[in-house]
Amino acid sequence: MTMFAAIWTAISLALLTAGAASAGGCGTVDFEGTSFSVCEATPGDDIRLYLRDEAGDILGTFDRLGAEAAREGREIVFAMNGGMYHADRRPVGLYVEDGVEEAGLVTRAGPGNFGLLPNGVLCIQGDAVLVMESRAFEAAAPECAFASQSGPMLVIDGALHPRFLPDSTSQFIRNGVGVRGDGAFFAVISDTPVTFHHFARFFRDVLETPNALFMDGKVSRLFAPDFGRRDIGFPFGPMLAVTRAAD
């Protein structure tokens, strides 16, 4: 275990001891002078993706997400934007919700961060959460109760994305997800602008996730009431959330 991973483990245990949340929990970790908000969950927690409400309308905001969760007798532990989207907020690339595919997998290169291959897929199976490179995902064809494709991959089988430059000047607030070898699931947002290279190294070297996926930048936001985060902004598309039974 690296020094940084040991630091995170101590923070994680402190969160659990303090009872920060009955499912999941969030903390702050500093890495090379940058603060990252890190939320952790396990496959036993209620991890899922949300796009539309009961009427089929795109939710778009954390307030509406909270109302949808409440309708199901749940409350939000933490939530963040869960994938890229078109101007009408429909998902870009593969999107699966409750086993129903709304948009198909895209494996060709294209413009923007999404098309910066290799990109990848977040796949939530209920008993496991996977982050896989898109073409490997296509070949393996795992069954996903929920799935969201985004890109680029941050870490692929322990290696950083080959296009990331350590001296890049492109810095944004970024969010992403990764899964550690023991199944722990991490949703992370940088508290200040970072490069792709710095962000990816945080996943690889601190959280020790062999595979990690960039979800978005610029529009990245976190909602975690127990952690004191209630980011606001324009409506977006898919949202990732961990919920618990409401009191």
C-alpha atoms as a PDB file:
ATOM      1  CA  MET A   1       0.000   0.000   0.000  1.00  0.00           C
ATOM      2  CA  THR A   2       1.399   3.437  -0.910  1.00  0.00           C
ATOM      3  CA  MET A   3       1.744   6.247   1.617  1.00  0.00           C
ATOM      4  CA  PHE A   4      -1.120   8.114  -0.067  1.00  0.00           C
ATOM      5  CA  ALA A   5      -3.344   5.037   0.001  1.00  0.00           C
ATOM      6  CA  ALA A   6      -2.582   4.584   3.695  1.00  0.00           C
ATOM      7  CA  ILE A   7      -3.627   8.184   4.319  1.00  0.00           C
ATOM      8  CA  TRP A   8      -6.903   7.602   2.473  1.00  0.00           C
ATOM      9  CA  THR A   9      -7.542   4.356   4.340  1.00  0.00           C
ATOM     10  CA  ALA A  10      -7.197   6.202   7.650  1.00  0.00           C
ATOM     11  CA  ILE A  11      -9.625   8.887   6.483  1.00  0.00           C
ATOM     12  CA  SER A  12     -12.062   6.248   5.233  1.00  0.00           C
ATOM     13  CA  LEU A  13     -12.024   4.420   8.561  1.00  0.00           C
ATOM     14  CA  ALA A  14     -12.563   7.711  10.390  1.00  0.00           C
ATOM     15  CA  LEU A  15     -15.606   8.428   8.242  1.00  0.00           C
ATOM     16  CA  LEU A  16     -17.094   5.029   8.977  1.00  0.00           C
ATOM     17  CA  THR A  17     -16.371   5.328  12.693  1.00  0.00           C
ATOM     18  CA  ALA A  18     -17.994   8.759  12.775  1.00  0.00           C
ATOM     19  CA  GLY A  19     -21.077   7.321  11.063  1.00  0.00           C
ATOM     20  CA  ALA A  20     -20.894   9.876   8.256  1.00  0.00           C
ATOM     21  CA  ALA A  21     -23.394   7.817   6.272  1.00  0.00           C
ATOM     22  CA  SER A  22     -25.090   4.458   6.605  1.00  0.00           C
ATOM     23  CA  ALA A  23     -24.059   3.789   3.009  1.00  0.00           C
ATOM     24  CA  GLY A  24     -21.000   5.403   1.497  1.00  0.00           C
ATOM     25  CA  GLY A  25     -19.138   8.411   2.820  1.00  0.00           C
ATOM     26  CA  CYS A  26     -17.090  11.373   1.594  1.00  0.00           C
ATOM     27  CA  GLY A  27     -13.804  12.905   2.695  1.00  0.00           C
ATOM     28  CA  THR A  28     -11.131  15.285   1.468  1.00  0.00           C
ATOM     29  CA  VAL A  29      -7.670  14.124   0.407  1.00  0.00           C
ATOM     30  CA  ASP A  30      -4.755  16.373  -0.588  1.00  0.00           C
ATOM     31  CA  PHE A  31      -2.436  15.183  -3.330  1.00  0.00           C
ATOM     32  CA  GLU A  32       0.503  17.271  -4.477  1.00  0.00           C
ATOM     33  CA  GLY A  33      -1.103  20.505  -3.326  1.00  0.00           C
ATOM     34  CA  THR A  34      -4.547  19.816  -4.789  1.00  0.00           C
ATOM     35  CA  SER A  35      -7.614  18.944  -2.729  1.00  0.00           C
ATOM     36  CA  PHE A  36      -9.912  16.170  -3.954  1.00  0.00           C
ATOM     37  CA  SER A  37     -13.357  15.322  -2.577  1.00  0.00           C
ATOM     38  CA  VAL A  38     -13.590  11.529  -2.505  1.00  0.00           C
ATOM     39  CA  CYS A  39     -16.801   9.592  -1.943  1.00  0.00           C
ATOM     40  CA  GLU A  40     -16.602   5.851  -1.336  1.00  0.00           C
ATOM     41  CA  ALA A  41     -19.182   3.075  -1.608  1.00  0.00           C
ATOM     42  CA  THR A  42     -19.235  -0.706  -1.892  1.00  0.00           C
ATOM     43  CA  PRO A  43     -21.305  -2.955  -4.178  1.00  0.00           C
ATOM     44  CA  GLY A  44     -23.558  -3.673  -1.202  1.00  0.00           C
ATOM     45  CA  ASP A  45     -24.625  -0.034  -1.217  1.00  0.00           C
ATOM     46  CA  ASP A  46     -27.398   1.269  -3.471  1.00  0.00           C
ATOM     47  CA  ILE A  47     -25.309   2.567  -6.391  1.00  0.00           C
ATOM     48  CA  ARG A  48     -27.189   3.511  -9.546  1.00  0.00           C
ATOM     49  CA  LEU A  49     -27.645   5.956 -12.398  1.00  0.00           C
ATOM     50  CA  TYR A  50     -30.567   8.305 -12.886  1.00  0.00           C
ATOM     51  CA  LEU A  51     -31.666  10.120 -16.040  1.00  0.00           C
ATOM     52  CA  ARG A  52     -35.471  10.402 -16.184  1.00  0.00           C
ATOM     53  CA  ASP A  53     -38.328  10.750 -13.733  1.00  0.00           C
ATOM     54  CA  GLU A  54     -41.423   8.557 -13.569  1.00  0.00           C
ATOM     55  CA  ALA A  55     -43.002  10.546 -16.425  1.00  0.00           C
ATOM     56  CA  GLY A  56     -39.959  10.092 -18.664  1.00  0.00           C
ATOM     57  CA  ASP A  57     -38.658  13.655 -18.340  1.00  0.00           C
ATOM     58  CA  ILE A  58     -34.928  14.200 -17.824  1.00  0.00           C
ATOM     59  CA  LEU A  59     -34.263  15.066 -14.185  1.00  0.00           C
ATOM     60  CA  GLY A  60     -31.249  17.307 -14.736  1.00  0.00           C
ATOM     61  CA  THR A  61     -30.794  18.688 -11.196  1.00  0.00           C
ATOM     62  CA  PHE A  62     -29.921  17.368  -7.768  1.00  0.00           C
ATOM     63  CA  ASP A  63     -33.182  18.776  -6.387  1.00  0.00           C
ATOM     64  CA  ARG A  64     -35.246  16.735  -8.844  1.00  0.00           C
ATOM     65  CA  LEU A  65     -33.024  13.719  -8.238  1.00  0.00           C
ATOM     66  CA  GLY A  66     -33.727  14.036  -4.518  1.00  0.00           C
ATOM     67  CA  ALA A  67     -37.457  14.145  -5.196  1.00  0.00           C
ATOM     68  CA  GLU A  68     -37.217  11.029  -7.387  1.00  0.00           C
ATOM     69  CA  ALA A  69     -35.267   9.178  -4.701  1.00  0.00           C
ATOM     70  CA  ALA A  70     -37.814  10.251  -2.073  1.00  0.00           C
ATOM     71  CA  ARG A  71     -40.600   8.859  -4.231  1.00  0.00           C
ATOM     72  CA  GLU A  72     -38.812   5.511  -3.960  1.00  0.00           C
ATOM     73  CA  GLY A  73     -38.407   5.862  -0.179  1.00  0.00           C
ATOM     74  CA  ARG A  74     -34.716   6.699  -0.502  1.00  0.00           C
ATOM     75  CA  GLU A  75     -32.476   9.659   0.298  1.00  0.00           C
ATOM     76  CA  ILE A  76     -29.223  10.713  -1.327  1.00  0.00           C
ATOM     77  CA  VAL A  77     -25.910   9.964   0.364  1.00  0.00           C
ATOM     78  CA  PHE A  78     -23.953  11.485  -2.517  1.00  0.00           C
ATOM     79  CA  ALA A  79     -24.535  12.218  -6.181  1.00  0.00           C
ATOM     80  CA  MET A  80     -22.626  13.709  -9.082  1.00  0.00           C
ATOM     81  CA  ASN A  81     -22.941  14.086 -12.818  1.00  0.00           C
ATOM     82  CA  GLY A  82     -22.720  10.619 -14.305  1.00  0.00           C
ATOM     83  CA  GLY A  83     -21.708  10.936 -17.932  1.00  0.00           C
ATOM     84  CA  MET A  84     -21.528  13.207 -20.945  1.00  0.00           C
ATOM     85  CA  TYR A  85     -24.625  14.382 -22.774  1.00  0.00           C
ATOM     86  CA  HIS A  86     -25.917  16.105 -25.894  1.00  0.00           C
ATOM     87  CA  ALA A  87     -27.410  19.607 -25.975  1.00  0.00           C
ATOM     88  CA  ASP A  88     -30.833  18.130 -25.162  1.00  0.00           C
ATOM     89  CA  ARG A  89     -29.176  16.276 -22.226  1.00  0.00           C
ATOM     90  CA  ARG A  90     -29.560  12.809 -23.743  1.00  0.00           C
ATOM     91  CA  PRO A  91     -26.527  10.582 -22.990  1.00  0.00           C
ATOM     92  CA  VAL A  92     -23.532  10.446 -25.302  1.00  0.00           C
ATOM     93  CA  GLY A  93     -22.561   6.807 -25.832  1.00  0.00           C
ATOM     94  CA  LEU A  94     -23.869   3.767 -23.981  1.00  0.00           C
ATOM     95  CA  TYR A  95     -26.478   4.392 -21.324  1.00  0.00           C
ATOM     96  CA  VAL A  96     -28.403   1.658 -19.477  1.00  0.00           C
ATOM     97  CA  GLU A  97     -30.884   2.248 -16.665  1.00  0.00           C
ATOM     98  CA  ASP A  98     -32.697  -0.555 -14.848  1.00  0.00           C
ATOM     99  CA  GLY A  99     -31.498  -2.943 -17.544  1.00  0.00           C
ATOM    100  CA  VAL A 100     -32.957  -0.868 -20.395  1.00  0.00           C
ATOM    101  CA  GLU A 101     -30.540   0.497 -22.995  1.00  0.00           C
ATOM    102  CA  GLU A 102     -31.327   4.072 -24.001  1.00  0.00           C
ATOM    103  CA  ALA A 103     -28.213   4.735 -26.107  1.00  0.00           C
ATOM    104  CA  GLY A 104     -25.722   2.373 -27.723  1.00  0.00           C
ATOM    105  CA  LEU A 105     -21.994   1.838 -27.280  1.00  0.00           C
ATOM    106  CA  VAL A 106     -19.649   4.054 -29.351  1.00  0.00           C
ATOM    107  CA  THR A 107     -16.174   2.622 -30.047  1.00  0.00           C
ATOM    108  CA  ARG A 108     -14.907   4.913 -32.803  1.00  0.00           C
ATOM    109  CA  ALA A 109     -12.639   7.900 -32.204  1.00  0.00           C
ATOM    110  CA  GLY A 110     -14.266  11.296 -32.317  1.00  0.00           C
ATOM    111  CA  PRO A 111     -14.057  14.908 -31.201  1.00  0.00           C
ATOM    112  CA  GLY A 112     -13.726  16.117 -27.639  1.00  0.00           C
ATOM    113  CA  ASN A 113     -12.813  14.231 -24.495  1.00  0.00           C
ATOM    114  CA  PHE A 114     -15.347  11.472 -25.131  1.00  0.00           C
ATOM    115  CA  GLY A 115     -13.684  10.548 -28.432  1.00  0.00           C
ATOM    116  CA  LEU A 116     -10.143  10.602 -27.019  1.00  0.00           C
ATOM    117  CA  LEU A 117      -9.660   6.832 -27.172  1.00  0.00           C
ATOM    118  CA  PRO A 118      -9.456   4.726 -25.167  1.00  0.00           C
ATOM    119  CA  ASN A 119     -12.693   5.729 -23.495  1.00  0.00           C
ATOM    120  CA  GLY A 120     -14.671   3.500 -21.173  1.00  0.00           C
ATOM    121  CA  VAL A 121     -17.830   2.317 -19.457  1.00  0.00           C
ATOM    122  CA  LEU A 122     -19.043   2.377 -15.874  1.00  0.00           C
ATOM    123  CA  CYS A 123     -21.073  -0.822 -15.371  1.00  0.00           C
ATOM    124  CA  ILE A 124     -23.102  -1.384 -12.204  1.00  0.00           C
ATOM    125  CA  GLN A 125     -24.182  -4.986 -11.781  1.00  0.00           C
ATOM    126  CA  GLY A 126     -25.628  -4.911  -8.273  1.00  0.00           C
ATOM    127  CA  ASP A 127     -23.069  -7.280  -6.774  1.00  0.00           C
ATOM    128  CA  ALA A 128     -20.136  -5.578  -8.506  1.00  0.00           C
ATOM    129  CA  VAL A 129     -19.144  -2.304 -10.107  1.00  0.00           C
ATOM    130  CA  LEU A 130     -16.877  -2.393 -13.157  1.00  0.00           C
ATOM    131  CA  VAL A 131     -14.913   0.234 -15.047  1.00  0.00           C
ATOM    132  CA  MET A 132     -13.829  -1.108 -18.437  1.00  0.00           C
ATOM    133  CA  GLU A 133     -12.255   0.231 -21.614  1.00  0.00           C
ATOM    134  CA  SER A 134     -15.024   0.428 -24.245  1.00  0.00           C
ATOM    135  CA  ARG A 135     -13.681  -2.134 -26.728  1.00  0.00           C
ATOM    136  CA  ALA A 136     -12.888  -4.583 -23.925  1.00  0.00           C
ATOM    137  CA  PHE A 137     -16.429  -3.996 -22.680  1.00  0.00           C
ATOM    138  CA  GLU A 138     -17.808  -4.734 -26.147  1.00  0.00           C
ATOM    139  CA  ALA A 139     -15.831  -7.984 -26.322  1.00  0.00           C
ATOM    140  CA  ALA A 140     -16.786  -9.148 -22.827  1.00  0.00           C
ATOM    141  CA  ALA A 141     -20.430  -7.998 -23.103  1.00  0.00           C
ATOM    142  CA  PRO A 142     -21.086  -7.964 -19.335  1.00  0.00           C
ATOM    143  CA  GLU A 143     -24.666  -7.583 -18.146  1.00  0.00           C
ATOM    144  CA  CYS A 144     -25.199  -4.205 -16.477  1.00  0.00           C
ATOM    145  CA  ALA A 145     -28.213  -3.056 -14.516  1.00  0.00           C
ATOM    146  CA  PHE A 146     -26.864   0.455 -15.062  1.00  0.00           C
ATOM    147  CA  ALA A 147     -24.150   1.670 -17.426  1.00  0.00           C
ATOM    148  CA  SER A 148     -22.737   4.968 -18.608  1.00  0.00           C
ATOM    149  CA  GLN A 149     -20.050   5.429 -21.246  1.00  0.00           C
ATOM    150  CA  SER A 150     -17.685   8.377 -20.978  1.00  0.00           C
ATOM    151  CA  GLY A 151     -14.138   9.276 -21.797  1.00  0.00           C
ATOM    152  CA  PRO A 152     -11.300   9.315 -21.782  1.00  0.00           C
ATOM    153  CA  MET A 153     -10.224   6.497 -19.518  1.00  0.00           C
ATOM    154  CA  LEU A 154      -7.964   7.870 -16.802  1.00  0.00           C
ATOM    155  CA  VAL A 155      -6.259   4.595 -15.834  1.00  0.00           C
ATOM    156  CA  ILE A 156      -6.258   1.445 -17.983  1.00  0.00           C
ATOM    157  CA  ASP A 157      -5.008  -1.761 -16.327  1.00  0.00           C
ATOM    158  CA  GLY A 158      -2.746   0.273 -14.056  1.00  0.00           C
ATOM    159  CA  ALA A 159      -1.359   2.571 -16.781  1.00  0.00           C
ATOM    160  CA  LEU A 160      -2.232   6.207 -17.378  1.00  0.00           C
ATOM    161  CA  HIS A 161      -4.011   7.136 -20.604  1.00  0.00           C
ATOM    162  CA  PRO A 162      -1.222   7.411 -23.220  1.00  0.00           C
ATOM    163  CA  ARG A 163      -2.310  10.881 -24.369  1.00  0.00           C
ATOM    164  CA  PHE A 164      -1.984  12.546 -20.956  1.00  0.00           C
ATOM    165  CA  LEU A 165       0.933  14.975 -20.678  1.00  0.00           C
ATOM    166  CA  PRO A 166       2.586  15.784 -17.332  1.00  0.00           C
ATOM    167  CA  ASP A 167       3.275  19.359 -18.466  1.00  0.00           C
ATOM    168  CA  SER A 168      -0.202  20.051 -19.884  1.00  0.00           C
ATOM    169  CA  THR A 169      -1.660  23.502 -19.190  1.00  0.00           C
ATOM    170  CA  SER A 170      -5.307  22.398 -19.629  1.00  0.00           C
ATOM    171  CA  GLN A 171      -6.829  22.515 -16.154  1.00  0.00           C
ATOM    172  CA  PHE A 172     -10.479  22.155 -15.150  1.00  0.00           C
ATOM    173  CA  ILE A 173     -12.597  20.977 -12.253  1.00  0.00           C
ATOM    174  CA  ARG A 174     -12.901  17.284 -13.153  1.00  0.00           C
ATOM    175  CA  ASN A 175     -14.831  14.312 -11.832  1.00  0.00           C
ATOM    176  CA  GLY A 176     -14.398  10.605 -12.375  1.00  0.00           C
ATOM    177  CA  VAL A 177     -14.921   7.118 -10.979  1.00  0.00           C
ATOM    178  CA  GLY A 178     -12.750   4.118 -10.236  1.00  0.00           C
ATOM    179  CA  VAL A 179     -12.890   0.685  -8.608  1.00  0.00           C
ATOM    180  CA  ARG A 180     -10.164  -0.669  -6.350  1.00  0.00           C
ATOM    181  CA  GLY A 181      -9.118  -4.305  -6.408  1.00  0.00           C
ATOM    182  CA  ASP A 182     -11.175  -5.113  -3.305  1.00  0.00           C
ATOM    183  CA  GLY A 183     -14.344  -3.779  -4.991  1.00  0.00           C
ATOM    184  CA  ALA A 184     -14.435  -0.390  -3.261  1.00  0.00           C
ATOM    185  CA  PHE A 185     -16.012   2.192  -5.568  1.00  0.00           C
ATOM    186  CA  PHE A 186     -14.777   5.794  -5.624  1.00  0.00           C
ATOM    187  CA  ALA A 187     -16.445   8.886  -7.070  1.00  0.00           C
ATOM    188  CA  VAL A 188     -14.031  11.823  -7.073  1.00  0.00           C
ATOM    189  CA  ILE A 189     -14.178  15.513  -7.914  1.00  0.00           C
ATOM    190  CA  SER A 190     -11.243  17.908  -7.818  1.00  0.00           C
ATOM    191  CA  ASP A 191     -11.836  20.917  -5.592  1.00  0.00           C
ATOM    192  CA  THR A 192      -9.689  23.106  -7.851  1.00  0.00           C
ATOM    193  CA  PRO A 193      -8.763  22.813 -11.558  1.00  0.00           C
ATOM    194  CA  VAL A 194      -6.378  19.967 -12.416  1.00  0.00           C
ATOM    195  CA  THR A 195      -4.814  18.425 -15.505  1.00  0.00           C
ATOM    196  CA  PHE A 196      -5.815  14.994 -16.769  1.00  0.00           C
ATOM    197  CA  HIS A 197      -2.378  13.682 -15.820  1.00  0.00           C
ATOM    198  CA  HIS A 198      -2.657  14.865 -12.198  1.00  0.00           C
ATOM    199  CA  PHE A 199      -6.232  13.595 -11.895  1.00  0.00           C
ATOM    200  CA  ALA A 200      -5.345  10.173 -13.309  1.00  0.00           C
ATOM    201  CA  ARG A 201      -2.350   9.807 -11.012  1.00  0.00           C
ATOM    202  CA  PHE A 202      -4.590  10.500  -8.021  1.00  0.00           C
ATOM    203  CA  PHE A 203      -6.726   7.493  -8.975  1.00  0.00           C
ATOM    204  CA  ARG A 204      -3.727   5.258  -9.707  1.00  0.00           C
ATOM    205  CA  ASP A 205      -1.316   6.269  -6.956  1.00  0.00           C
ATOM    206  CA  VAL A 206      -3.600   7.295  -4.090  1.00  0.00           C
ATOM    207  CA  LEU A 207      -6.790   5.282  -4.525  1.00  0.00           C
ATOM    208  CA  GLU A 208      -4.978   2.413  -6.255  1.00  0.00           C
ATOM    209  CA  THR A 209      -7.701   1.822  -8.834  1.00  0.00           C
ATOM    210  CA  PRO A 210      -6.377  -0.205 -11.786  1.00  0.00           C
ATOM    211  CA  ASN A 211      -9.134   1.241 -13.984  1.00  0.00           C
ATOM    212  CA  ALA A 212     -10.659   4.703 -13.679  1.00  0.00           C
ATOM    213  CA  LEU A 213     -12.916   6.743 -15.951  1.00  0.00           C
ATOM    214  CA  PHE A 214     -13.292  10.475 -16.499  1.00  0.00           C
ATOM    215  CA  MET A 215     -16.930  11.541 -16.296  1.00  0.00           C
ATOM    216  CA  ASP A 216     -16.721  15.248 -17.200  1.00  0.00           C
ATOM    217  CA  GLY A 217     -15.088  18.604 -16.631  1.00  0.00           C
ATOM    218  CA  LYS A 218     -16.339  22.200 -16.428  1.00  0.00           C
ATOM    219  CA  VAL A 219     -19.849  21.029 -15.436  1.00  0.00           C
ATOM    220  CA  SER A 220     -18.621  18.635 -12.720  1.00  0.00           C
ATOM    221  CA  ARG A 221     -20.623  18.923  -9.507  1.00  0.00           C
ATOM    222  CA  LEU A 222     -21.132  17.039  -6.246  1.00  0.00           C
ATOM    223  CA  PHE A 223     -24.126  16.770  -3.921  1.00  0.00           C
ATOM    224  CA  ALA A 224     -23.301  15.215  -0.542  1.00  0.00           C
ATOM    225  CA  PRO A 225     -25.435  16.654   2.297  1.00  0.00           C
ATOM    226  CA  ASP A 226     -23.580  14.876   5.121  1.00  0.00           C
ATOM    227  CA  PHE A 227     -20.328  16.229   3.699  1.00  0.00           C
ATOM    228  CA  GLY A 228     -21.640  19.784   3.335  1.00  0.00           C
ATOM    229  CA  ARG A 229     -21.554  19.854  -0.478  1.00  0.00           C
ATOM    230  CA  ARG A 230     -24.549  21.113  -2.436  1.00  0.00           C
ATOM    231  CA  ASP A 231     -23.085  22.302  -5.755  1.00  0.00           C
ATOM    232  CA  ILE A 232     -25.443  24.185  -8.065  1.00  0.00           C
ATOM    233  CA  GLY A 233     -25.417  24.954 -11.793  1.00  0.00           C
ATOM    234  CA  PHE A 234     -27.198  24.454 -15.076  1.00  0.00           C
ATOM    235  CA  PRO A 235     -29.166  21.184 -15.575  1.00  0.00           C
ATOM    236  CA  PHE A 236     -27.186  18.250 -16.937  1.00  0.00           C
ATOM    237  CA  GLY A 237     -27.800  14.701 -18.157  1.00  0.00           C
ATOM    238  CA  PRO A 238     -27.151  11.378 -16.378  1.00  0.00           C
ATOM    239  CA  MET A 239     -26.460  11.418 -12.646  1.00  0.00           C
ATOM    240  CA  LEU A 240     -24.681   8.881 -10.493  1.00  0.00           C
ATOM    241  CA  ALA A 241     -26.053   8.467  -6.976  1.00  0.00           C
ATOM    242  CA  VAL A 242     -25.649   6.392  -3.848  1.00  0.00           C
ATOM    243  CA  THR A 243     -28.813   6.338  -1.745  1.00  0.00           C
ATOM    244  CA  ARG A 244     -30.031   4.855   1.534  1.00  0.00           C
ATOM    245  CA  ALA A 245     -33.422   4.107   2.998  1.00  0.00           C
ATOM    246  CA  ALA A 246     -35.059   7.304   4.218  1.00  0.00           C
ATOM    247  CA  ASP A 247     -35.664   7.661   7.946  1.00  0.00           C
END
